[in-house]
N, C-alpha and C. Protein backbone atom coordinates (compact mmCIF):
# COMPACT_ATOMS: atom_id res chain seq x y z
N UNK A 1 35.26 -41.93 -83.55
CA UNK A 1 36.41 -42.17 -83.60
C UNK A 1 37.28 -40.83 -83.28
N UNK A 2 36.72 -39.77 -83.99
CA UNK A 2 37.44 -38.88 -83.34
C UNK A 2 37.74 -37.83 -82.14
N UNK A 3 36.61 -38.10 -81.19
CA UNK A 3 36.83 -38.12 -79.87
C UNK A 3 38.01 -39.36 -79.12
N UNK A 4 38.08 -40.31 -79.57
CA UNK A 4 39.15 -40.87 -79.42
C UNK A 4 40.39 -40.11 -79.66
N UNK A 5 40.68 -40.05 -80.99
CA UNK A 5 41.86 -38.97 -80.83
C UNK A 5 42.20 -37.78 -80.09
N UNK A 6 41.27 -37.08 -80.63
CA UNK A 6 41.57 -35.74 -79.57
C UNK A 6 42.09 -36.08 -78.16
N UNK A 7 41.62 -37.30 -77.45
CA UNK A 7 41.90 -37.55 -75.72
C UNK A 7 43.55 -38.03 -75.95
N UNK A 8 44.18 -38.94 -77.34
CA UNK A 8 44.96 -39.27 -77.22
C UNK A 8 45.93 -37.95 -77.69
N UNK A 9 45.46 -36.89 -78.30
CA UNK A 9 46.34 -35.95 -79.05
C UNK A 9 46.33 -35.11 -77.36
N UNK A 10 45.34 -34.67 -76.67
CA UNK A 10 45.45 -33.83 -75.66
C UNK A 10 46.29 -34.62 -74.69
N UNK A 11 45.86 -35.81 -74.53
CA UNK A 11 46.90 -36.20 -73.52
C UNK A 11 45.91 -36.98 -72.24
N UNK A 12 44.69 -37.03 -72.83
CA UNK A 12 43.58 -36.61 -71.76
C UNK A 12 43.37 -38.34 -71.56
N UNK A 13 43.51 -39.40 -70.49
CA UNK A 13 43.19 -40.51 -70.01
C UNK A 13 41.91 -40.89 -69.33
N UNK A 14 41.41 -39.93 -69.13
CA UNK A 14 39.91 -40.44 -68.57
C UNK A 14 39.28 -41.62 -68.95
N UNK A 15 38.88 -42.97 -69.04
CA UNK A 15 38.34 -43.59 -69.32
C UNK A 15 39.07 -44.61 -70.04
N UNK A 16 40.85 -44.55 -69.95
CA UNK A 16 41.26 -45.50 -70.82
C UNK A 16 41.21 -46.79 -69.59
N UNK A 17 41.68 -47.97 -70.16
CA UNK A 17 41.89 -49.14 -69.65
C UNK A 17 42.46 -49.78 -70.29
N UNK A 18 43.64 -50.61 -69.53
CA UNK A 18 45.02 -51.85 -70.02
C UNK A 18 43.61 -53.31 -70.18
N UNK A 19 43.40 -53.43 -70.86
CA UNK A 19 43.22 -54.76 -71.57
C UNK A 19 43.96 -55.59 -71.92
N UNK A 20 43.68 -56.89 -71.95
CA UNK A 20 44.05 -58.14 -72.76
C UNK A 20 43.02 -59.31 -73.56
N UNK A 21 43.38 -59.47 -74.63
CA UNK A 21 42.54 -59.80 -75.09
C UNK A 21 42.90 -61.82 -75.20
N UNK A 22 41.94 -62.75 -74.65
CA UNK A 22 42.02 -63.71 -75.17
C UNK A 22 41.76 -64.62 -76.57
N UNK A 23 42.05 -65.42 -76.53
CA UNK A 23 41.61 -66.20 -77.70
C UNK A 23 42.21 -64.90 -79.46
N UNK A 24 41.68 -65.09 -80.51
CA UNK A 24 41.12 -64.55 -81.20
C UNK A 24 42.95 -65.01 -82.65
N UNK A 25 42.86 -65.17 -83.10
CA UNK A 25 44.25 -65.21 -83.96
C UNK A 25 44.18 -64.52 -84.78
N UNK A 26 44.53 -64.86 -86.02
CA UNK A 26 45.27 -63.76 -86.83
C UNK A 26 43.75 -62.93 -87.74
N UNK A 27 43.21 -61.83 -87.04
CA UNK A 27 42.34 -60.74 -87.59
C UNK A 27 42.29 -60.48 -89.00
N UNK A 28 43.91 -60.40 -89.43
CA UNK A 28 43.93 -59.48 -90.77
C UNK A 28 44.50 -58.29 -90.55
N UNK A 29 44.59 -57.57 -91.39
CA UNK A 29 44.84 -55.92 -90.97
C UNK A 29 44.13 -55.13 -90.01
N UNK A 30 45.02 -54.69 -89.11
CA UNK A 30 44.57 -53.76 -87.67
C UNK A 30 43.35 -52.92 -88.13
N UNK A 31 42.52 -53.25 -87.23
CA UNK A 31 41.04 -52.40 -87.35
C UNK A 31 40.92 -51.35 -86.53
N UNK A 32 40.09 -50.57 -87.04
CA UNK A 32 39.93 -49.27 -85.87
C UNK A 32 39.93 -49.40 -84.74
N UNK A 33 40.56 -47.78 -83.91
CA UNK A 33 41.25 -48.24 -82.61
C UNK A 33 40.02 -47.89 -81.53
N UNK A 34 39.93 -48.32 -80.31
CA UNK A 34 38.66 -48.32 -79.39
C UNK A 34 38.67 -49.41 -78.94
N UNK A 35 37.74 -49.74 -78.38
CA UNK A 35 37.28 -50.64 -77.49
C UNK A 35 37.16 -52.31 -78.33
N UNK A 36 37.73 -53.25 -77.90
CA UNK A 36 37.85 -54.69 -78.84
C UNK A 36 36.14 -55.02 -79.02
N UNK A 37 36.00 -55.41 -79.86
CA UNK A 37 34.81 -55.98 -80.47
C UNK A 37 34.55 -57.29 -79.89
N UNK A 38 32.77 -57.56 -79.65
CA UNK A 38 32.34 -58.63 -78.55
C UNK A 38 32.49 -59.70 -79.25
N UNK A 39 33.02 -60.75 -78.82
CA UNK A 39 32.78 -61.87 -79.68
C UNK A 39 33.54 -63.05 -79.44
N UNK A 40 34.59 -64.00 -80.10
CA UNK A 40 35.22 -65.20 -79.14
C UNK A 40 35.92 -64.90 -78.30
N UNK A 41 36.67 -63.57 -78.60
CA UNK A 41 37.89 -63.34 -77.28
C UNK A 41 37.03 -63.14 -75.92
N UNK A 42 37.95 -63.14 -74.70
CA UNK A 42 37.71 -62.74 -73.77
C UNK A 42 38.19 -61.82 -72.81
N UNK A 43 37.71 -60.69 -72.33
CA UNK A 43 38.33 -59.26 -71.88
C UNK A 43 38.55 -59.50 -70.91
N UNK A 44 40.22 -59.20 -70.37
CA UNK A 44 40.41 -59.22 -69.10
C UNK A 44 40.92 -57.85 -68.57
N UNK A 45 40.62 -57.62 -67.61
CA UNK A 45 41.04 -56.33 -67.27
C UNK A 45 42.79 -56.51 -66.25
N UNK A 46 43.64 -55.81 -66.63
CA UNK A 46 44.86 -56.23 -66.23
C UNK A 46 45.38 -55.27 -64.46
N UNK A 47 44.03 -53.83 -65.00
CA UNK A 47 44.41 -53.43 -63.46
C UNK A 47 43.02 -53.33 -62.74
N UNK A 48 42.63 -54.36 -61.87
CA UNK A 48 41.68 -54.05 -61.56
C UNK A 48 40.91 -52.87 -60.78
N UNK A 49 39.62 -52.21 -61.49
CA UNK A 49 39.40 -51.05 -60.85
C UNK A 49 39.14 -50.88 -58.66
N UNK A 50 39.33 -50.46 -58.48
CA UNK A 50 38.99 -50.64 -56.97
C UNK A 50 38.12 -48.63 -56.28
N UNK A 51 37.33 -49.68 -55.23
CA UNK A 51 36.56 -48.58 -54.85
C UNK A 51 37.32 -47.68 -53.67
N UNK A 52 37.83 -46.60 -53.54
CA UNK A 52 38.72 -45.49 -52.42
C UNK A 52 37.72 -45.99 -51.70
N UNK A 53 36.77 -45.81 -51.40
CA UNK A 53 35.84 -46.00 -50.20
C UNK A 53 35.70 -47.12 -49.21
N UNK A 54 36.11 -48.60 -49.93
CA UNK A 54 35.47 -49.88 -49.90
C UNK A 54 36.55 -50.25 -49.55
N UNK A 55 37.79 -49.92 -50.15
CA UNK A 55 39.20 -50.95 -50.11
C UNK A 55 40.34 -49.67 -49.98
N UNK A 56 41.22 -49.67 -48.95
CA UNK A 56 42.25 -48.79 -48.86
C UNK A 56 43.37 -49.46 -49.76
N UNK A 57 44.51 -48.83 -50.15
CA UNK A 57 45.46 -48.63 -50.89
C UNK A 57 45.95 -49.99 -49.60
N UNK A 58 46.92 -51.07 -50.33
CA UNK A 58 47.78 -51.98 -49.42
C UNK A 58 49.09 -51.34 -49.09
N UNK A 59 48.96 -51.56 -47.27
CA UNK A 59 50.56 -51.05 -47.40
C UNK A 59 51.53 -52.39 -47.40
N UNK A 60 52.68 -51.59 -47.92
CA UNK A 60 53.88 -52.48 -48.84
C UNK A 60 54.20 -53.59 -47.55
N UNK A 61 54.74 -54.76 -47.46
CA UNK A 61 55.12 -55.41 -46.38
C UNK A 61 55.86 -54.54 -45.84
N UNK A 62 56.61 -54.35 -44.63
CA UNK A 62 57.86 -54.25 -43.44
C UNK A 62 58.87 -55.50 -43.74
N UNK A 63 60.39 -54.85 -44.22
CA UNK A 63 60.83 -56.06 -44.24
C UNK A 63 61.76 -55.82 -42.45
N UNK A 64 62.17 -57.27 -42.27
CA UNK A 64 62.43 -57.59 -40.55
C UNK A 64 63.54 -57.83 -40.63
N UNK A 65 64.24 -57.92 -39.26
CA UNK A 65 65.77 -58.15 -39.16
C UNK A 65 65.33 -59.69 -38.50
N UNK A 66 66.45 -60.53 -39.10
CA UNK A 66 66.35 -62.43 -38.80
C UNK A 66 67.78 -62.26 -38.19
N UNK A 67 68.07 -62.55 -36.95
CA UNK A 67 69.40 -63.04 -36.85
C UNK A 67 70.25 -64.58 -37.94
N UNK A 68 70.92 -64.68 -38.32
CA UNK A 68 71.53 -65.63 -39.17
C UNK A 68 72.13 -66.28 -38.52
N UNK A 69 72.74 -67.95 -38.22
CA UNK A 69 74.01 -68.41 -38.24
C UNK A 69 74.18 -69.38 -39.41
N UNK A 70 75.33 -68.70 -40.08
CA UNK A 70 75.78 -69.66 -40.96
C UNK A 70 76.79 -70.70 -40.84
N UNK A 71 76.50 -72.09 -41.13
CA UNK A 71 77.62 -72.56 -40.87
C UNK A 71 78.24 -73.56 -42.04
N UNK A 72 79.58 -73.54 -41.95
CA UNK A 72 80.33 -74.26 -43.65
C UNK A 72 81.45 -75.04 -43.04
N UNK A 73 81.86 -75.91 -44.23
CA UNK A 73 82.75 -76.73 -43.81
C UNK A 73 83.31 -77.42 -44.87
N UNK A 74 84.25 -77.58 -44.95
CA UNK A 74 85.19 -78.37 -46.01
C UNK A 74 86.63 -78.67 -45.76
N UNK A 75 87.66 -78.87 -46.73
CA UNK A 75 88.77 -79.33 -46.94
C UNK A 75 89.84 -78.33 -45.77
N UNK A 76 90.80 -79.10 -45.12
CA UNK A 76 91.12 -78.32 -44.20
C UNK A 76 92.11 -76.85 -45.39
N UNK A 77 91.99 -75.62 -44.25
CA UNK A 77 92.50 -74.94 -45.95
C UNK A 77 93.41 -73.81 -44.61
N UNK A 78 94.24 -72.99 -45.25
CA UNK A 78 95.57 -72.25 -44.11
C UNK A 78 95.35 -71.44 -43.40
N UNK A 79 95.20 -71.31 -42.03
CA UNK A 79 94.56 -70.51 -41.25
C UNK A 79 94.62 -69.10 -41.73
N UNK A 80 95.46 -68.46 -42.20
CA UNK A 80 96.24 -67.10 -42.63
C UNK A 80 94.83 -66.82 -43.58
N UNK A 81 94.43 -67.47 -44.34
CA UNK A 81 93.98 -67.49 -45.64
C UNK A 81 92.36 -67.65 -45.46
N UNK A 82 92.10 -68.03 -44.51
CA UNK A 82 90.70 -68.57 -44.10
C UNK A 82 90.52 -66.89 -43.47
N UNK A 83 91.13 -66.89 -42.21
CA UNK A 83 90.67 -65.57 -41.59
C UNK A 83 90.87 -64.08 -42.70
N UNK A 84 91.58 -63.87 -43.84
CA UNK A 84 91.51 -62.75 -44.33
C UNK A 84 90.58 -63.22 -45.66
N UNK A 85 89.86 -64.19 -45.51
CA UNK A 85 88.42 -64.50 -46.43
C UNK A 85 87.69 -64.14 -45.61
N UNK A 86 87.36 -64.58 -44.07
CA UNK A 86 86.56 -63.89 -43.76
C UNK A 86 86.03 -62.92 -42.85
N UNK A 87 87.25 -62.04 -43.10
CA UNK A 87 87.62 -60.58 -42.98
C UNK A 87 87.16 -59.17 -44.51
N UNK A 88 87.26 -60.17 -44.99
CA UNK A 88 86.85 -59.46 -46.82
C UNK A 88 85.52 -59.54 -46.44
N UNK A 89 84.68 -60.98 -45.87
CA UNK A 89 83.41 -61.31 -45.97
C UNK A 89 82.29 -59.86 -45.56
N UNK A 90 83.18 -59.81 -43.87
CA UNK A 90 83.01 -58.93 -42.99
C UNK A 90 82.88 -57.62 -43.44
N UNK A 91 83.91 -56.85 -44.31
CA UNK A 91 83.79 -55.82 -44.96
C UNK A 91 82.66 -55.82 -45.87
N UNK A 92 82.37 -56.61 -46.67
CA UNK A 92 81.44 -56.50 -48.08
C UNK A 92 80.27 -56.56 -47.06
N UNK A 93 79.98 -57.39 -46.54
CA UNK A 93 78.28 -57.53 -45.93
C UNK A 93 77.76 -56.91 -44.95
N UNK A 94 77.17 -56.51 -45.06
CA UNK A 94 76.25 -55.38 -44.22
C UNK A 94 75.21 -56.06 -42.58
N UNK A 95 75.57 -55.52 -41.47
CA UNK A 95 74.97 -56.18 -40.37
C UNK A 95 75.74 -57.43 -40.02
N UNK A 96 77.23 -57.89 -40.50
CA UNK A 96 77.73 -58.54 -39.72
C UNK A 96 78.27 -58.42 -38.43
N UNK A 97 77.83 -59.35 -37.81
CA UNK A 97 78.41 -59.54 -36.29
C UNK A 97 79.86 -60.22 -36.10
N UNK A 98 80.08 -61.64 -36.62
CA UNK A 98 81.25 -62.17 -36.22
C UNK A 98 81.48 -63.33 -36.85
N UNK A 99 82.68 -63.88 -37.12
CA UNK A 99 82.41 -64.89 -37.61
C UNK A 99 83.85 -65.90 -36.68
N UNK A 100 83.46 -66.86 -36.48
CA UNK A 100 84.49 -67.81 -35.42
C UNK A 100 84.59 -69.38 -36.89
N UNK A 101 85.86 -69.65 -36.68
CA UNK A 101 86.50 -70.43 -37.86
C UNK A 101 87.62 -71.13 -37.49
N UNK A 102 87.90 -72.33 -37.69
CA UNK A 102 89.31 -73.32 -37.24
C UNK A 102 89.62 -73.70 -39.03
N UNK A 103 90.09 -74.61 -39.00
CA UNK A 103 91.17 -74.98 -40.25
C UNK A 103 90.21 -75.61 -41.20
N UNK A 104 89.08 -76.13 -40.65
CA UNK A 104 87.56 -76.81 -41.35
C UNK A 104 86.33 -76.54 -41.37
N UNK A 105 86.15 -75.51 -40.88
CA UNK A 105 84.78 -75.40 -40.53
C UNK A 105 84.44 -73.88 -39.69
N UNK A 106 83.95 -73.13 -40.24
CA UNK A 106 83.83 -71.59 -39.36
C UNK A 106 81.57 -71.64 -39.13
N UNK A 107 82.05 -70.09 -39.01
CA UNK A 107 80.23 -70.29 -38.59
C UNK A 107 80.48 -68.90 -38.75
N UNK A 108 79.21 -67.74 -39.18
CA UNK A 108 79.24 -66.65 -39.28
C UNK A 108 77.68 -66.54 -38.90
N UNK A 109 77.35 -65.57 -38.01
CA UNK A 109 77.35 -64.95 -37.55
C UNK A 109 76.33 -63.10 -37.90
N UNK A 110 75.27 -62.94 -38.29
CA UNK A 110 75.31 -61.11 -38.83
C UNK A 110 73.52 -61.48 -38.90
N UNK A 111 73.29 -60.66 -39.03
CA UNK A 111 71.67 -59.91 -38.88
C UNK A 111 71.26 -59.69 -40.85
N UNK A 112 70.42 -60.61 -40.76
CA UNK A 112 69.45 -60.01 -42.37
C UNK A 112 68.59 -59.68 -42.18
N UNK A 113 68.23 -58.27 -43.31
CA UNK A 113 66.84 -58.06 -43.59
C UNK A 113 66.42 -58.20 -44.55
N UNK A 114 64.96 -59.02 -44.27
CA UNK A 114 63.87 -59.45 -45.09
C UNK A 114 62.63 -59.30 -44.67
N UNK A 115 61.64 -60.03 -45.73
CA UNK A 115 60.45 -59.62 -45.92
C UNK A 115 59.79 -60.99 -44.75
N UNK A 116 60.28 -62.06 -44.74
CA UNK A 116 60.30 -63.16 -44.16
C UNK A 116 60.92 -64.07 -44.20
N UNK A 117 60.45 -65.28 -43.58
CA UNK A 117 61.85 -66.20 -42.94
C UNK A 117 62.38 -66.90 -44.20
N UNK A 118 61.05 -67.10 -45.48
CA UNK A 118 61.61 -67.72 -46.56
C UNK A 118 62.68 -67.17 -47.57
N UNK A 119 61.77 -65.88 -47.21
CA UNK A 119 63.42 -64.79 -48.28
C UNK A 119 65.00 -65.00 -46.95
N UNK A 120 64.54 -64.43 -45.81
CA UNK A 120 65.82 -64.90 -45.20
C UNK A 120 66.97 -65.92 -45.14
N UNK A 121 66.62 -67.01 -45.38
CA UNK A 121 66.99 -67.87 -45.50
C UNK A 121 67.65 -68.33 -46.59
N UNK A 122 66.76 -67.84 -47.84
CA UNK A 122 67.40 -68.14 -49.23
C UNK A 122 68.75 -67.18 -49.45
N UNK A 123 68.45 -65.78 -48.79
CA UNK A 123 69.64 -64.85 -48.58
C UNK A 123 70.88 -65.47 -48.50
N UNK A 124 70.24 -66.25 -47.02
CA UNK A 124 71.73 -66.82 -46.47
C UNK A 124 72.12 -67.46 -46.93
N UNK A 125 71.54 -68.68 -48.01
CA UNK A 125 71.99 -69.36 -48.10
C UNK A 125 72.77 -69.72 -49.63
N UNK A 126 72.92 -68.48 -50.13
CA UNK A 126 73.21 -67.69 -51.38
C UNK A 126 74.54 -67.19 -50.42
N UNK A 127 74.64 -66.74 -49.83
CA UNK A 127 75.48 -65.71 -48.85
C UNK A 127 77.14 -66.18 -49.30
N UNK A 128 77.39 -67.52 -48.89
CA UNK A 128 78.74 -67.88 -49.02
C UNK A 128 79.08 -67.95 -50.15
N UNK A 129 78.28 -68.83 -51.21
CA UNK A 129 78.35 -68.81 -52.90
C UNK A 129 78.20 -67.69 -53.73
N UNK A 130 78.14 -66.62 -53.33
CA UNK A 130 78.33 -65.17 -54.08
C UNK A 130 79.46 -64.40 -53.22
N UNK A 131 80.08 -64.69 -52.39
CA UNK A 131 81.08 -63.76 -52.33
C UNK A 131 82.57 -64.73 -51.98
N UNK A 132 82.71 -65.90 -52.25
CA UNK A 132 83.17 -67.26 -52.41
C UNK A 132 84.16 -66.68 -53.36
N UNK A 133 84.08 -66.05 -54.74
CA UNK A 133 85.33 -65.56 -55.62
C UNK A 133 85.54 -64.28 -55.12
N UNK A 134 84.90 -63.10 -54.37
CA UNK A 134 85.33 -61.92 -54.66
C UNK A 134 85.73 -61.76 -52.74
N UNK A 135 85.49 -62.61 -52.12
CA UNK A 135 86.16 -62.92 -50.55
C UNK A 135 87.59 -63.52 -50.59
N UNK A 136 87.32 -64.20 -51.48
CA UNK A 136 88.66 -65.41 -51.63
C UNK A 136 88.02 -66.57 -50.42
N UNK A 137 87.21 -67.05 -50.53
CA UNK A 137 87.01 -68.04 -49.70
C UNK A 137 87.34 -69.48 -49.75
N UNK A 138 86.97 -70.40 -48.80
CA UNK A 138 87.99 -71.71 -49.58
C UNK A 138 86.48 -72.19 -50.22
N UNK A 139 86.55 -73.47 -51.07
CA UNK A 139 85.67 -73.70 -51.58
C UNK A 139 84.74 -75.17 -50.82
N UNK A 140 83.80 -74.12 -49.53
CA UNK A 140 83.20 -74.97 -48.83
C UNK A 140 81.91 -75.41 -49.12
N UNK A 141 81.14 -76.34 -48.21
CA UNK A 141 79.92 -76.41 -48.52
C UNK A 141 78.89 -75.83 -46.99
N UNK A 142 77.98 -74.93 -46.83
CA UNK A 142 77.24 -75.11 -46.61
C UNK A 142 76.32 -76.01 -45.26
N UNK A 143 76.73 -76.01 -44.14
CA UNK A 143 76.41 -77.23 -43.31
C UNK A 143 75.05 -77.09 -42.48
N UNK A 144 75.34 -76.21 -42.13
CA UNK A 144 74.19 -75.76 -41.22
C UNK A 144 73.67 -73.95 -41.20
N UNK A 145 72.11 -73.80 -41.01
CA UNK A 145 71.80 -72.77 -40.87
C UNK A 145 70.80 -72.50 -39.69
N UNK A 146 70.80 -71.35 -39.33
CA UNK A 146 69.37 -71.00 -38.40
C UNK A 146 68.93 -69.82 -38.46
N UNK A 147 67.73 -69.61 -39.00
CA UNK A 147 67.59 -67.98 -38.52
C UNK A 147 66.43 -67.77 -37.78
N UNK A 148 66.27 -67.03 -36.79
CA UNK A 148 65.33 -66.80 -36.24
C UNK A 148 65.02 -65.02 -35.85
N UNK A 149 63.71 -64.94 -36.19
CA UNK A 149 63.32 -63.54 -35.96
C UNK A 149 63.63 -62.74 -34.51
N UNK A 150 64.00 -61.25 -34.42
CA UNK A 150 64.80 -60.36 -33.73
C UNK A 150 64.18 -60.50 -32.27
N UNK A 151 62.74 -60.99 -32.60
CA UNK A 151 62.05 -61.20 -30.53
C UNK A 151 62.73 -62.64 -30.40
N UNK A 152 62.66 -63.65 -30.88
CA UNK A 152 63.24 -64.84 -30.17
C UNK A 152 64.44 -64.62 -29.89
N UNK A 153 65.23 -63.70 -30.60
CA UNK A 153 66.82 -64.18 -30.28
C UNK A 153 66.72 -63.16 -29.18
N UNK A 154 66.21 -62.51 -29.12
CA UNK A 154 66.56 -61.07 -27.95
C UNK A 154 65.86 -62.34 -26.64
N UNK A 155 65.14 -62.82 -26.60
CA UNK A 155 64.11 -64.36 -26.02
C UNK A 155 65.22 -64.77 -25.45
N UNK A 156 66.33 -65.51 -26.54
CA UNK A 156 67.06 -66.58 -25.97
C UNK A 156 68.19 -65.71 -25.30
N UNK A 157 68.85 -64.69 -25.71
CA UNK A 157 69.73 -63.94 -24.74
C UNK A 157 69.46 -63.48 -23.79
N UNK A 158 67.79 -62.84 -23.18
CA UNK A 158 67.78 -62.49 -22.32
C UNK A 158 67.23 -64.01 -21.20
N UNK A 159 67.02 -65.11 -21.19
CA UNK A 159 66.79 -66.43 -20.93
C UNK A 159 68.58 -67.15 -20.68
N UNK A 160 69.41 -66.93 -21.34
CA UNK A 160 70.61 -67.06 -20.93
C UNK A 160 71.12 -68.30 -22.37
N UNK A 161 69.93 -68.35 -23.46
CA UNK A 161 70.31 -69.63 -24.33
C UNK A 161 70.81 -69.01 -25.63
N UNK A 162 71.76 -69.68 -25.87
CA UNK A 162 72.01 -68.72 -27.71
C UNK A 162 72.36 -67.89 -27.74
N UNK A 163 73.26 -67.07 -26.50
CA UNK A 163 73.71 -65.69 -26.52
C UNK A 163 74.84 -65.29 -27.16
N UNK A 164 75.28 -64.19 -27.41
CA UNK A 164 76.17 -63.99 -28.82
C UNK A 164 77.25 -64.50 -28.10
N UNK A 165 78.34 -64.59 -28.89
CA UNK A 165 79.74 -65.28 -28.43
C UNK A 165 80.31 -64.02 -27.68
N UNK A 166 81.47 -64.29 -27.29
CA UNK A 166 81.75 -63.53 -26.43
C UNK A 166 82.35 -62.33 -26.68
N UNK A 167 82.80 -62.32 -28.14
CA UNK A 167 83.19 -60.76 -28.61
C UNK A 167 82.79 -61.00 -30.07
N UNK A 168 82.16 -59.33 -29.85
CA UNK A 168 81.38 -59.17 -31.42
C UNK A 168 82.49 -58.38 -32.28
N UNK A 169 81.86 -58.68 -33.79
CA UNK A 169 82.21 -57.63 -34.14
C UNK A 169 83.72 -57.93 -34.96
N UNK A 170 83.90 -59.16 -35.02
CA UNK A 170 85.04 -59.58 -35.43
C UNK A 170 85.16 -60.90 -36.35
N UNK A 171 86.23 -61.49 -36.16
CA UNK A 171 86.96 -62.53 -37.19
C UNK A 171 87.49 -63.29 -36.00
N UNK A 172 87.20 -64.34 -35.39
CA UNK A 172 88.10 -64.95 -34.59
C UNK A 172 88.45 -66.35 -33.90
N UNK A 173 89.52 -66.78 -33.95
CA UNK A 173 89.46 -68.72 -34.16
C UNK A 173 88.94 -69.01 -32.94
N UNK A 174 88.12 -70.55 -32.95
CA UNK A 174 87.38 -71.09 -32.18
C UNK A 174 88.50 -71.01 -30.99
């Protein structure tokens, strides 16, 4: 008991492990500090031990770039209001490429940085709703979504399919 207190007072952490105990109800007053008693509860390590020689630390997953085409549509909206809203969206959202619009639909093209396709699609599906109030966008719904990785996008452009719109970096009518 004395040695444990000394380690706590001096900041020593050698030999300490985080644990969680399953089971066990109200054991009454707190018992002495130290390892949990052996009994009906099961001890689980919260941080598994890892041998440095056998298992290198896992590298964090790198985010990748995904080309996104988001199509939205809804009731007819005055073109000046729609254009102003799309320009505010372009200003707020990084990696914005271009937007094309008509009175009742629009298409937004941009790059998204995400770990995988699932994350990129989830972010894209939230884009319109999250910026609707701040960019004063019309109450339209998402009617189409295309998400492709960078290599696929460049392969399509090289083959002459799905190339970038004629004017990059802005908001243009169809």
